[in-house]
């Protein structure tokens, strides 16, 4: 039987000058979360109406924004090649990737996969993330590609045997 491999995120809100607030969907203007600096502290606001796994992902995503906050103008300067919308999307992609890496560490997923846990739904529950987040992480690490390739080879072999 497998055990939960959830990454604890309490350390984020235990950081000095970091406050977490949950806000209702109608106050979030379509956002999952946001990070800002106000009154001498970093404020992470997360949509309280989202699922638990979504809120975990959002907290990890917003943590990356917090880490980048003071250096963002410098470290994000070359992103987007002058296109602000492209730059904003690339920043969001970086934060999403960071969140996925934090919540589903490569060595943990490697161990689970090697032990036969290769179902996206099972792994998502195990790591306390959404199936979408797990699927993306597996594809990034190459596990889903390998699994699809093996399945395709098995289908081709079965077709060849049936033609016989």
Protein backbone atom coordinates (compact mmCIF):
# COMPACT_ATOMS: atom_id res chain seq x y z
CA UNK A 1 0.00 0.00 0.00
CA UNK A 2 1.22 3.48 -0.78
CA UNK A 3 1.37 6.36 1.64
CA UNK A 4 0.61 10.02 1.15
CA UNK A 5 3.62 11.92 -0.18
CA UNK A 6 2.21 15.39 0.42
CA UNK A 7 4.69 18.25 0.62
CA UNK A 8 3.93 20.41 3.66
CA UNK A 9 3.53 24.09 2.75
CA UNK A 10 3.24 25.58 6.23
CA UNK A 11 6.78 26.90 5.99
CA UNK A 12 5.58 29.51 3.47
CA UNK A 13 3.25 31.30 5.85
CA UNK A 14 5.75 30.90 8.70
CA UNK A 15 8.19 33.17 6.87
CA UNK A 16 8.69 36.58 8.48
CA UNK A 17 6.54 39.34 6.98
CA UNK A 18 4.33 36.88 5.06
CA UNK A 19 0.57 36.83 5.54
CA UNK A 20 -1.93 34.51 3.88
CA UNK A 21 -5.53 35.53 3.34
CA UNK A 22 -8.37 33.56 1.80
CA UNK A 23 -10.84 35.64 -0.19
CA UNK A 24 -14.17 34.66 -1.75
CA UNK A 25 -14.33 34.15 -5.49
CA UNK A 26 -16.31 37.36 -6.10
CA UNK A 27 -13.44 39.42 -4.64
CA UNK A 28 -10.74 37.66 -6.68
CA UNK A 29 -11.57 39.16 -10.09
CA UNK A 30 -11.19 35.79 -11.80
CA UNK A 31 -7.83 35.04 -10.18
CA UNK A 32 -6.76 31.92 -8.32
CA UNK A 33 -4.40 34.02 -6.20
CA UNK A 34 -2.19 37.09 -6.03
CA UNK A 35 0.88 38.30 -4.19
CA UNK A 36 1.61 41.87 -3.24
CA UNK A 37 3.71 43.86 -0.77
CA UNK A 38 1.69 46.12 1.47
CA UNK A 39 2.18 47.69 4.91
CA UNK A 40 5.66 46.20 5.25
CA UNK A 41 4.63 42.61 4.55
CA UNK A 42 4.04 40.24 1.68
CA UNK A 43 0.40 39.38 1.29
CA UNK A 44 -0.65 36.21 -0.51
CA UNK A 45 -4.36 36.09 -1.27
CA UNK A 46 -5.92 32.82 -2.40
CA UNK A 47 -9.43 32.11 -3.67
CA UNK A 48 -11.12 30.32 -0.79
CA UNK A 49 -13.79 28.86 -3.06
CA UNK A 50 -11.26 26.76 -4.99
CA UNK A 51 -10.68 23.10 -4.14
CA UNK A 52 -8.07 22.15 -1.55
CA UNK A 53 -5.64 20.89 -4.22
CA UNK A 54 -6.13 24.09 -6.26
CA UNK A 55 -5.43 26.24 -3.19
CA UNK A 56 -2.25 24.22 -2.48
CA UNK A 57 -1.06 24.69 -6.05
CA UNK A 58 -1.90 28.40 -5.91
CA UNK A 59 0.02 28.85 -2.64
CA UNK A 60 3.10 27.18 -4.16
CA UNK A 61 2.69 29.29 -7.35
CA UNK A 62 2.33 32.51 -5.35
CA UNK A 63 5.35 31.56 -3.26
CA UNK A 64 7.45 31.78 -6.44
CA UNK A 65 6.04 35.26 -7.09
CA UNK A 66 7.01 36.16 -3.50
CA UNK A 67 10.56 34.84 -4.01
CA UNK A 68 10.90 36.87 -7.20
CA UNK A 69 9.11 39.97 -5.92
CA UNK A 70 11.95 42.43 -5.31
CA UNK A 71 14.13 41.18 -8.16
CA UNK A 72 11.30 40.72 -10.70
CA UNK A 73 12.11 43.77 -12.84
CA UNK A 74 15.66 42.49 -13.30
CA UNK A 75 15.12 38.74 -13.61
CA UNK A 76 12.06 39.04 -15.84
CA UNK A 77 13.47 41.81 -18.05
CA UNK A 78 14.45 39.52 -20.93
CA UNK A 79 11.17 37.58 -20.95
CA UNK A 80 8.63 38.27 -23.67
CA UNK A 81 10.99 40.16 -25.97
CA UNK A 82 9.20 43.46 -25.36
CA UNK A 83 5.71 41.95 -25.54
CA UNK A 84 4.15 42.51 -22.09
CA UNK A 85 1.42 39.90 -22.53
CA UNK A 86 3.99 37.28 -23.57
CA UNK A 87 6.21 38.29 -20.65
CA UNK A 88 3.32 37.94 -18.18
CA UNK A 89 2.46 34.50 -19.57
CA UNK A 90 6.07 33.35 -19.34
CA UNK A 91 6.24 34.51 -15.72
CA UNK A 92 3.06 32.56 -14.95
CA UNK A 93 4.51 29.49 -16.69
CA UNK A 94 7.65 29.75 -14.54
CA UNK A 95 5.55 30.00 -11.37
CA UNK A 96 3.40 27.03 -12.46
CA UNK A 97 6.50 24.94 -13.12
CA UNK A 98 7.96 25.93 -9.76
CA UNK A 99 4.73 24.96 -7.99
CA UNK A 100 4.65 21.58 -9.75
CA UNK A 101 8.29 20.89 -8.82
CA UNK A 102 7.67 21.89 -5.21
CA UNK A 103 4.51 19.81 -4.81
CA UNK A 104 5.70 16.78 -6.81
CA UNK A 105 9.45 16.44 -6.26
CA UNK A 106 11.22 14.53 -9.03
CA UNK A 107 12.85 11.99 -6.71
CA UNK A 108 9.53 11.24 -4.97
CA UNK A 109 7.66 10.66 -8.24
CA UNK A 110 10.57 8.59 -9.54
CA UNK A 111 10.31 6.32 -6.48
CA UNK A 112 6.52 6.02 -6.77
CA UNK A 113 6.74 5.25 -10.50
CA UNK A 114 9.44 2.62 -9.97
CA UNK A 115 7.21 0.98 -7.34
CA UNK A 116 4.44 0.57 -9.91
CA UNK A 117 2.32 3.61 -9.04
CA UNK A 118 1.72 4.85 -12.57
CA UNK A 119 -1.91 5.93 -12.53
CA UNK A 120 -2.40 9.71 -12.75
CA UNK A 121 -5.43 9.69 -10.44
CA UNK A 122 -3.69 7.60 -7.78
CA UNK A 123 -0.55 9.72 -7.93
CA UNK A 124 -2.60 12.94 -7.75
CA UNK A 125 -4.27 11.72 -4.55
CA UNK A 126 -0.94 10.53 -3.19
CA UNK A 127 0.71 13.95 -3.72
CA UNK A 128 -2.45 15.96 -2.92
CA UNK A 129 -2.49 17.74 -6.28
CA UNK A 130 -5.00 17.87 -9.12
CA UNK A 131 -4.93 15.26 -11.85
CA UNK A 132 -4.10 18.04 -14.32
CA UNK A 133 -1.08 19.11 -12.25
CA UNK A 134 0.09 15.50 -11.92
CA UNK A 135 -0.35 14.81 -15.64
CA UNK A 136 1.68 17.91 -16.55
CA UNK A 137 4.42 17.01 -14.09
CA UNK A 138 4.61 13.45 -15.40
CA UNK A 139 4.76 14.68 -18.99
CA UNK A 140 7.50 17.17 -18.12
CA UNK A 141 9.53 14.39 -16.48
CA UNK A 142 8.97 12.12 -19.48
CA UNK A 143 6.92 9.47 -17.68
CA UNK A 144 3.71 9.98 -19.62
CA UNK A 145 5.56 9.95 -22.94
CA UNK A 146 7.25 6.67 -22.05
CA UNK A 147 3.96 5.16 -20.89
CA UNK A 148 2.19 6.19 -24.10
CA UNK A 149 5.04 4.81 -26.19
CA UNK A 150 4.89 1.44 -24.40
CA UNK A 151 1.09 1.38 -24.84
CA UNK A 152 1.42 2.20 -28.55
CA UNK A 153 4.00 -0.58 -29.05
CA UNK A 154 1.73 -3.06 -27.22
CA UNK A 155 -1.24 -2.02 -29.43
CA UNK A 156 0.85 -2.45 -32.57
CA UNK A 157 2.02 -5.88 -31.43
CA UNK A 158 -1.57 -6.91 -30.63
CA UNK A 159 -2.74 -5.75 -34.07
CA UNK A 160 0.09 -7.68 -35.72
CA UNK A 161 -0.75 -10.82 -33.75
CA UNK A 162 -4.44 -10.49 -34.63
CA UNK A 163 -3.58 -10.26 -38.33
CA UNK A 164 -1.39 -13.17 -37.84
